[in-house]
Amino acid sequence: MTSQPDPGESPEGSSGVPSADDERRRDLLAVIPSLPKVLLHDHLDGGVRPATVVDLAAALDHPLPTTDPDELGAWFRAAAYSGSLERYLETFAHTAGVMQTSEGLRRVAREAVLDLAADGVVYAESRFAPELHTERGLSPEQVVDAVLEGFDQGMREAADGGRGIVVRALLTAMRQNDRWEEVAALAVAGRDRGVAGFDLAGPEAGFPPDRHAAAFDLVRDAWLPATVHAGEADGLASIAAALRVGACRLGHGLRIADDVRPQGLGPLAHWVRDRPVALEICPTSNVHTGGVPSVADHPVTTLLRLGFAVTVNTDNRLQSGTSLSAEFAALVEQAGWTLADLRQVTLTAAHHAFVHEDARTALIDEIITPGYARAGGGRHQA
């Protein structure tokens, strides 16, 4: 016979008063927006404001599903929530599609910086593929110039508003195209103007990173770091291929969990953990594209507990309706993360940023450590 709870108790058998854990969780959620954050995996064409998409589309006569900004934002989210990576990627026809002029690119880049700064991000690497913004006559060089100008404008405005932020660019080559070396050369040429590294994106299956090994030779010979999308839609072979061409970080990388076995880590997992190679985990995006069923079930928590270099990221803020604060909150609410966990992934992200060590140290010592120390004074510390 099943016992019934006392009328004066909650179904769990406790009083209706929130527990200490509930209060700590509530306090932590309240402080998350003010925490200093580091973002390593954020796509510029995945973070456009819906109203900006509408404005730029009108100027270019680009057709949209709707011209109402609120409805358009909902349309993007619905496509992302479909669980289909293919449908998710289709949304970029409308973001990249309107980012085809220098003025539009500057606006999107500037607004991205301001939006990140408003979310408490103090350092970010924003990635974009120059080749996707040349449909209306811009050269790849003009694309890069416009985006870097927009970043500079946004950083100045954010600083004037009391929210200092540093944003650097990652130049992305698309795996399915044949412009890898061109993009790699652009990245090397832009390193003194705000380009922090080289990235490879697009469909993993059938397009291994060694198809154009010369691109990776180029950036490696220039001592410019590279990250590669791997272990998102494909498995361990994709991760191994990315490491072989010299990836310093793994874009997503969640499928490294496939090499975590009941008897211990497999050889590839050991390599990634022991080096360590940072994982650019994007929890909400991985749910939306069908990689995992929920944030609660995401392997990110297991990987963090096992000592992997885990970082938490947004991927595409527009499509997933997210922010870095929202990612942190989801991990706290659904996976039981603590302030110490959030601090750890933030420090890991800072340590693996594609900037020099003196800049990393200053970021950690002057901004991140004091910011988390201030937050640690409340009950949410435990």
Protein backbone atom coordinates (compact mmCIF):
# COMPACT_ATOMS: atom_id res chain seq x y z
CA MET A 1 0.00 0.00 0.00
CA THR A 2 1.38 3.40 -0.96
CA SER A 3 1.61 5.82 1.95
CA GLN A 4 0.10 9.27 1.56
CA PRO A 5 1.95 12.45 2.55
CA ASP A 6 0.84 14.30 5.63
CA PRO A 7 -1.54 17.16 4.66
CA GLY A 8 0.88 19.64 6.21
CA GLU A 9 3.84 18.39 4.19
CA SER A 10 4.91 18.65 0.56
CA PRO A 11 4.75 15.45 -1.55
CA GLU A 12 8.47 15.03 -0.83
CA GLY A 13 7.69 14.75 2.88
CA SER A 14 9.20 18.09 3.83
CA SER A 15 7.57 21.34 4.89
CA GLY A 16 6.47 23.82 2.25
CA VAL A 17 9.39 26.08 3.20
CA PRO A 18 12.10 26.16 0.50
CA SER A 19 15.12 24.09 1.40
CA ALA A 20 18.59 25.54 1.82
CA ASP A 21 19.52 24.09 -1.58
CA ASP A 22 16.52 25.80 -3.17
CA GLU A 23 17.54 29.11 -1.66
CA ARG A 24 21.14 28.73 -2.78
CA ARG A 25 19.99 27.91 -6.30
CA ARG A 26 17.66 30.91 -6.33
CA ASP A 27 20.43 33.19 -5.11
CA LEU A 28 22.85 31.84 -7.70
CA LEU A 29 20.38 32.36 -10.54
CA ALA A 30 19.94 35.96 -9.41
CA VAL A 31 23.67 36.68 -9.51
CA ILE A 32 24.46 34.99 -12.86
CA PRO A 33 23.80 38.07 -15.04
CA SER A 34 26.42 40.05 -13.11
CA LEU A 35 29.14 37.38 -13.31
CA PRO A 36 32.07 38.13 -15.65
CA LYS A 37 31.91 35.69 -18.55
CA VAL A 38 34.18 34.46 -21.33
CA LEU A 39 32.69 33.29 -24.62
CA LEU A 40 34.73 31.33 -27.16
CA HIS A 41 32.11 29.91 -29.54
CA ASP A 42 29.60 32.43 -30.88
CA HIS A 43 28.66 32.84 -34.55
CA LEU A 44 28.21 36.41 -35.73
CA ASP A 45 25.44 35.45 -38.16
CA GLY A 46 23.78 33.48 -35.37
CA GLY A 47 23.40 36.45 -33.07
CA VAL A 48 21.72 39.13 -35.17
CA ARG A 49 18.90 41.10 -33.57
CA PRO A 50 15.57 40.24 -35.27
CA ALA A 51 14.81 43.93 -35.81
CA THR A 52 18.16 44.30 -37.54
CA VAL A 53 17.39 41.36 -39.83
CA VAL A 54 14.14 43.09 -40.78
CA ASP A 55 15.85 46.42 -41.46
CA LEU A 56 18.67 44.96 -43.52
CA ALA A 57 16.31 42.68 -45.46
CA ALA A 58 14.18 45.66 -46.45
CA ALA A 59 17.21 47.54 -47.74
CA LEU A 60 18.30 44.54 -49.83
CA ASP A 61 14.81 43.41 -50.89
CA HIS A 62 15.50 40.07 -49.21
CA PRO A 63 12.27 38.09 -48.53
CA LEU A 64 11.63 37.00 -44.94
CA PRO A 65 9.06 34.64 -43.38
CA THR A 66 7.67 37.73 -41.57
CA THR A 67 8.68 41.34 -41.15
CA ASP A 68 7.46 41.60 -37.57
CA PRO A 69 10.60 41.41 -35.36
CA ASP A 70 8.89 39.49 -32.55
CA GLU A 71 7.33 37.00 -34.95
CA LEU A 72 10.63 36.63 -36.80
CA GLY A 73 12.48 35.88 -33.58
CA ALA A 74 9.89 33.22 -32.79
CA TRP A 75 10.29 31.78 -36.29
CA PHE A 76 14.05 31.41 -35.79
CA ARG A 77 13.55 29.72 -32.43
CA ALA A 78 10.93 27.33 -33.81
CA ALA A 79 13.35 26.23 -36.53
CA ALA A 80 16.07 25.72 -33.95
CA TYR A 81 13.80 23.77 -31.61
CA SER A 82 12.82 21.36 -34.40
CA GLY A 83 15.58 18.90 -33.48
CA SER A 84 16.82 18.93 -37.08
CA LEU A 85 20.33 20.20 -37.75
CA GLU A 86 19.39 20.69 -41.40
CA ARG A 87 16.44 22.95 -40.57
CA TYR A 88 18.53 24.75 -37.98
CA LEU A 89 21.16 25.57 -40.60
CA GLU A 90 18.54 26.78 -43.08
CA THR A 91 17.87 29.80 -40.88
CA PHE A 92 21.26 31.23 -41.79
CA ALA A 93 20.00 31.95 -45.30
CA HIS A 94 18.17 34.86 -43.67
CA THR A 95 20.93 36.10 -41.38
CA ALA A 96 23.95 35.71 -43.65
CA GLY A 97 21.63 36.67 -46.51
CA VAL A 98 21.14 40.18 -45.15
CA MET A 99 24.76 40.65 -44.04
CA GLN A 100 25.97 41.56 -47.52
CA THR A 101 27.01 45.21 -47.26
CA SER A 102 29.76 46.93 -45.31
CA GLU A 103 27.17 49.02 -43.49
CA GLY A 104 25.12 45.97 -42.54
CA LEU A 105 28.16 44.02 -41.36
CA ARG A 106 29.38 46.93 -39.24
CA ARG A 107 25.94 47.27 -37.66
CA VAL A 108 25.62 43.57 -36.86
CA ALA A 109 29.15 43.42 -35.42
CA ARG A 110 28.64 46.54 -33.31
CA GLU A 111 25.32 45.32 -31.94
CA ALA A 112 26.77 41.89 -31.16
CA VAL A 113 29.44 43.49 -28.97
CA LEU A 114 26.87 45.59 -27.13
CA ASP A 115 24.56 42.62 -26.58
CA LEU A 116 27.40 40.48 -25.22
CA ALA A 117 28.61 43.26 -22.94
CA ALA A 118 25.08 43.72 -21.59
CA ASP A 119 25.12 40.02 -20.67
CA GLY A 120 28.29 40.38 -18.61
CA VAL A 121 30.68 38.97 -21.22
CA VAL A 122 34.11 40.53 -20.74
CA TYR A 123 35.98 38.63 -23.46
CA ALA A 124 34.53 37.02 -26.57
CA GLU A 125 35.67 35.43 -29.81
CA SER A 126 33.09 35.93 -32.55
CA ARG A 127 33.41 33.78 -35.65
CA PHE A 128 32.20 34.38 -39.18
CA ALA A 129 32.87 33.05 -42.68
CA PRO A 130 33.92 35.89 -45.02
CA GLU A 131 32.90 33.81 -48.06
CA LEU A 132 29.25 33.86 -46.95
CA HIS A 133 29.03 37.66 -47.20
CA THR A 134 30.22 38.24 -50.77
CA GLU A 135 26.95 37.63 -52.66
CA ARG A 136 26.47 41.34 -53.46
CA GLY A 137 29.94 42.26 -54.50
CA LEU A 138 31.99 42.62 -51.35
CA SER A 139 35.43 41.06 -51.37
CA PRO A 140 36.42 38.83 -48.44
CA GLU A 141 38.87 41.55 -47.37
CA GLN A 142 36.08 44.13 -47.29
CA VAL A 143 33.94 41.77 -45.21
CA VAL A 144 36.69 41.36 -42.62
CA ASP A 145 37.38 45.11 -42.55
CA ALA A 146 33.71 45.94 -41.95
CA VAL A 147 33.29 43.41 -39.15
CA LEU A 148 36.45 44.51 -37.36
CA GLU A 149 35.32 48.13 -37.63
CA GLY A 150 31.97 47.17 -36.10
CA PHE A 151 33.69 45.34 -33.25
CA ASP A 152 35.84 48.39 -32.53
CA GLN A 153 32.77 50.66 -32.51
CA GLY A 154 30.93 48.33 -30.17
CA MET A 155 33.86 48.01 -27.77
CA ARG A 156 34.21 51.78 -27.55
CA GLU A 157 30.50 52.24 -26.89
CA ALA A 158 30.43 49.47 -24.31
CA ALA A 159 33.41 50.98 -22.48
CA ASP A 160 31.78 54.42 -22.53
CA GLY A 161 28.73 52.81 -20.92
CA GLY A 162 30.82 51.23 -18.15
CA ARG A 163 30.86 47.70 -19.57
CA GLY A 164 34.36 46.91 -20.77
CA ILE A 165 34.64 44.03 -23.22
CA VAL A 166 37.26 42.71 -25.63
CA VAL A 167 35.98 40.98 -28.78
CA ARG A 168 38.27 39.23 -31.24
CA ALA A 169 37.40 37.61 -34.56
CA LEU A 170 37.81 34.04 -35.71
CA LEU A 171 37.72 33.65 -39.49
CA THR A 172 35.79 30.57 -40.54
CA ALA A 173 36.28 28.49 -43.67
CA MET A 174 33.38 26.31 -44.80
CA ARG A 175 34.30 22.64 -45.06
CA GLN A 176 32.15 21.99 -48.13
CA ASN A 177 33.79 24.78 -50.14
CA ASP A 178 37.31 25.17 -51.48
CA ARG A 179 38.36 28.53 -50.06
CA TRP A 180 40.17 27.27 -46.98
CA GLU A 181 43.60 28.60 -47.93
CA GLU A 182 42.15 31.99 -48.87
CA VAL A 183 40.44 32.30 -45.49
CA ALA A 184 43.54 31.08 -43.66
CA ALA A 185 45.61 33.75 -45.41
CA LEU A 186 43.05 36.40 -44.44
CA ALA A 187 43.25 35.26 -40.83
CA VAL A 188 47.04 35.51 -40.79
CA ALA A 189 46.92 38.94 -42.45
CA GLY A 190 44.42 40.19 -39.87
CA ARG A 191 46.15 39.00 -36.73
CA ASP A 192 47.37 42.49 -35.79
CA ARG A 193 43.94 44.05 -36.39
CA GLY A 194 41.76 41.88 -34.17
CA VAL A 195 41.73 38.42 -35.79
CA ALA A 196 42.58 35.87 -33.11
CA GLY A 197 42.47 32.62 -35.07
CA PHE A 198 41.18 30.32 -37.80
CA ASP A 199 38.07 28.14 -37.67
CA LEU A 200 36.55 25.38 -39.78
CA ALA A 201 32.77 24.87 -39.87
CA GLY A 202 30.08 23.24 -41.99
CA PRO A 203 29.04 19.60 -42.41
CA GLU A 204 31.46 17.26 -40.65
CA ALA A 205 30.56 13.98 -42.36
CA GLY A 206 32.33 13.63 -45.69
CA PHE A 207 34.39 16.79 -45.33
CA PRO A 208 37.39 15.95 -43.13
CA PRO A 209 39.73 18.81 -42.19
CA ASP A 210 42.71 17.28 -43.99
CA ARG A 211 41.06 17.88 -47.38
CA HIS A 212 42.98 21.14 -47.51
CA ALA A 213 45.85 20.53 -45.13
CA ALA A 214 47.74 23.47 -46.67
CA ALA A 215 45.35 25.87 -44.90
CA PHE A 216 46.31 24.46 -41.53
CA ASP A 217 49.97 24.46 -42.53
CA LEU A 218 49.63 28.16 -43.33
CA VAL A 219 48.17 29.17 -39.97
CA ARG A 220 50.46 26.85 -38.05
CA ASP A 221 53.56 28.25 -39.80
CA ALA A 222 52.36 31.74 -38.80
CA TRP A 223 51.77 30.54 -35.21
CA LEU A 224 48.10 31.45 -35.44
CA PRO A 225 45.83 29.14 -33.44
CA ALA A 226 42.97 27.17 -34.97
CA THR A 227 39.75 25.68 -33.71
CA VAL A 228 37.73 23.11 -35.66
CA HIS A 229 34.04 22.21 -35.44
CA ALA A 230 34.21 18.53 -34.55
CA GLY A 231 32.29 16.04 -32.48
CA GLU A 232 28.97 17.83 -32.93
CA ALA A 233 27.19 16.03 -35.78
CA ASP A 234 29.89 13.38 -36.23
CA GLY A 235 31.79 11.19 -33.82
CA LEU A 236 35.24 10.34 -32.58
CA ALA A 237 36.77 10.10 -36.06
CA SER A 238 35.88 13.75 -36.65
CA ILE A 239 37.54 14.76 -33.40
CA ALA A 240 40.66 12.75 -34.19
CA ALA A 241 40.90 14.35 -37.63
CA ALA A 242 40.65 17.83 -36.13
CA LEU A 243 43.45 17.09 -33.70
CA ARG A 244 45.66 15.69 -36.47
CA VAL A 245 45.56 18.98 -38.39
CA GLY A 246 46.49 20.93 -35.27
CA ALA A 247 43.23 22.10 -33.69
CA CYS A 248 43.99 23.87 -30.42
CA ARG A 249 40.31 23.67 -29.37
CA LEU A 250 37.33 21.59 -30.45
CA GLY A 251 34.20 23.41 -31.60
CA HIS A 252 31.51 21.58 -29.61
CA GLY A 253 33.45 18.34 -29.07
CA LEU A 254 30.65 16.76 -27.04
CA ARG A 255 31.03 13.40 -28.79
CA ILE A 256 34.32 12.85 -26.97
CA ALA A 257 31.94 11.44 -24.36
CA ASP A 258 31.61 8.41 -26.69
CA ASP A 259 35.15 7.48 -25.60
CA VAL A 260 34.27 7.62 -21.92
CA ARG A 261 33.71 3.97 -21.03
CA PRO A 262 32.59 2.20 -17.85
CA GLN A 263 36.14 0.91 -17.41
CA GLY A 264 37.66 4.35 -17.94
CA LEU A 265 38.66 6.78 -20.66
CA GLY A 266 39.59 5.57 -24.10
CA PRO A 267 42.85 6.71 -25.75
CA LEU A 268 41.35 9.66 -27.61
CA ALA A 269 39.50 10.90 -24.52
CA HIS A 270 42.73 10.61 -22.53
CA TRP A 271 44.55 12.67 -25.16
CA VAL A 272 41.92 15.43 -25.17
CA ARG A 273 41.73 15.58 -21.38
CA ASP A 274 45.42 15.26 -20.63
CA ARG A 275 46.79 17.87 -23.10
CA PRO A 276 44.30 19.58 -22.36
CA VAL A 277 42.31 20.46 -25.49
CA ALA A 278 39.46 22.83 -24.67
CA LEU A 279 35.92 21.77 -25.53
CA GLU A 280 33.69 24.60 -26.79
CA ILE A 281 30.46 23.09 -25.46
CA CYS A 282 27.16 24.73 -26.49
CA PRO A 283 24.48 23.00 -24.37
CA THR A 284 21.25 24.57 -25.64
CA SER A 285 22.34 24.40 -29.28
CA ASN A 286 23.20 20.72 -28.87
CA VAL A 287 19.68 20.07 -27.58
CA HIS A 288 18.11 21.99 -30.45
CA THR A 289 20.10 20.18 -33.15
CA GLY A 290 19.29 16.76 -31.68
CA GLY A 291 22.73 16.00 -30.29
CA VAL A 292 21.40 15.42 -26.76
CA PRO A 293 17.88 15.12 -25.32
CA SER A 294 18.22 17.83 -22.67
CA VAL A 295 20.68 19.99 -20.78
CA ALA A 296 20.21 17.67 -17.80
CA ASP A 297 21.34 14.72 -19.93
CA HIS A 298 24.16 16.60 -21.67
CA PRO A 299 27.59 14.97 -21.16
CA VAL A 300 29.07 18.37 -20.30
CA THR A 301 28.59 17.73 -16.59
CA THR A 302 30.27 14.33 -16.72
CA LEU A 303 33.13 15.78 -18.78
CA LEU A 304 33.58 18.61 -16.30
CA ARG A 305 33.67 16.19 -13.36
CA LEU A 306 36.23 14.02 -15.18
CA GLY A 307 38.61 16.93 -15.57
CA PHE A 308 38.18 17.86 -19.23
CA ALA A 309 38.82 21.49 -20.23
CA VAL A 310 35.14 22.39 -20.52
CA THR A 311 33.97 25.81 -21.66
CA VAL A 312 30.33 26.85 -22.00
CA ASN A 313 29.15 28.80 -25.03
CA THR A 314 26.11 30.09 -26.89
CA ASP A 315 26.76 29.02 -30.52
CA ASN A 316 23.84 30.94 -32.07
CA ARG A 317 22.05 33.34 -29.74
CA LEU A 318 19.27 34.23 -32.18
CA GLN A 319 18.33 30.73 -33.30
CA SER A 320 18.52 29.23 -29.82
CA GLY A 321 17.02 32.25 -28.06
CA THR A 322 19.89 32.15 -25.61
CA SER A 323 22.69 34.08 -23.96
CA LEU A 324 25.65 33.00 -21.89
CA SER A 325 23.68 33.90 -18.75
CA ALA A 326 20.86 31.66 -19.99
CA GLU A 327 23.30 28.81 -20.62
CA PHE A 328 24.67 29.14 -17.09
CA ALA A 329 21.16 29.26 -15.64
CA ALA A 330 20.10 26.13 -17.53
CA LEU A 331 23.10 24.23 -16.16
CA VAL A 332 22.31 25.40 -12.62
CA GLU A 333 18.61 24.54 -12.86
CA GLN A 334 18.79 21.32 -14.89
CA ALA A 335 22.21 19.87 -14.09
CA GLY A 336 22.81 21.09 -10.55
CA TRP A 337 25.82 23.28 -11.29
CA THR A 338 27.23 25.51 -8.54
CA LEU A 339 29.01 28.84 -8.50
CA ALA A 340 32.28 26.91 -8.31
CA ASP A 341 31.39 25.10 -11.55
CA LEU A 342 30.60 28.37 -13.33
CA ARG A 343 33.84 29.87 -12.08
CA GLN A 344 35.79 26.83 -13.28
CA VAL A 345 34.47 26.92 -16.84
CA THR A 346 34.98 30.69 -16.99
CA LEU A 347 38.61 30.35 -15.91
CA THR A 348 39.10 27.50 -18.37
CA ALA A 349 37.72 29.64 -21.19
CA ALA A 350 40.05 32.49 -20.23
CA HIS A 351 43.06 30.16 -20.11
CA HIS A 352 42.24 28.84 -23.61
CA ALA A 353 41.41 32.18 -25.26
CA PHE A 354 43.38 32.85 -28.42
CA VAL A 355 45.27 35.79 -26.90
CA HIS A 356 48.68 36.05 -25.32
CA GLU A 357 49.29 34.78 -21.80
CA ASP A 358 49.78 38.24 -20.34
CA ALA A 359 46.31 39.23 -21.61
CA ARG A 360 44.82 36.05 -20.16
CA THR A 361 46.46 36.67 -16.80
CA ALA A 362 45.19 40.25 -16.68
CA LEU A 363 41.69 39.10 -17.60
CA ILE A 364 41.71 36.52 -14.82
CA ASP A 365 43.43 38.56 -12.11
CA GLU A 366 41.75 41.90 -12.74
CA ILE A 367 38.24 40.94 -13.81
CA ILE A 368 37.21 37.29 -13.40
CA THR A 369 38.67 36.49 -9.99
CA PRO A 370 37.40 39.70 -8.31
CA GLY A 371 33.99 39.30 -9.97
CA TYR A 372 33.51 35.77 -8.66
CA ALA A 373 34.88 36.74 -5.26
CA ARG A 374 32.18 39.40 -4.98
CA ALA A 375 29.53 36.85 -5.99
CA GLY A 376 30.85 34.24 -3.54
CA GLY A 377 29.77 36.13 -0.46
CA GLY A 378 26.21 34.80 -0.57
CA ARG A 379 24.55 31.50 0.26
CA HIS A 380 24.83 30.34 -3.36
CA GLN A 381 28.54 29.60 -2.80
CA ALA A 382 27.88 26.12 -1.38
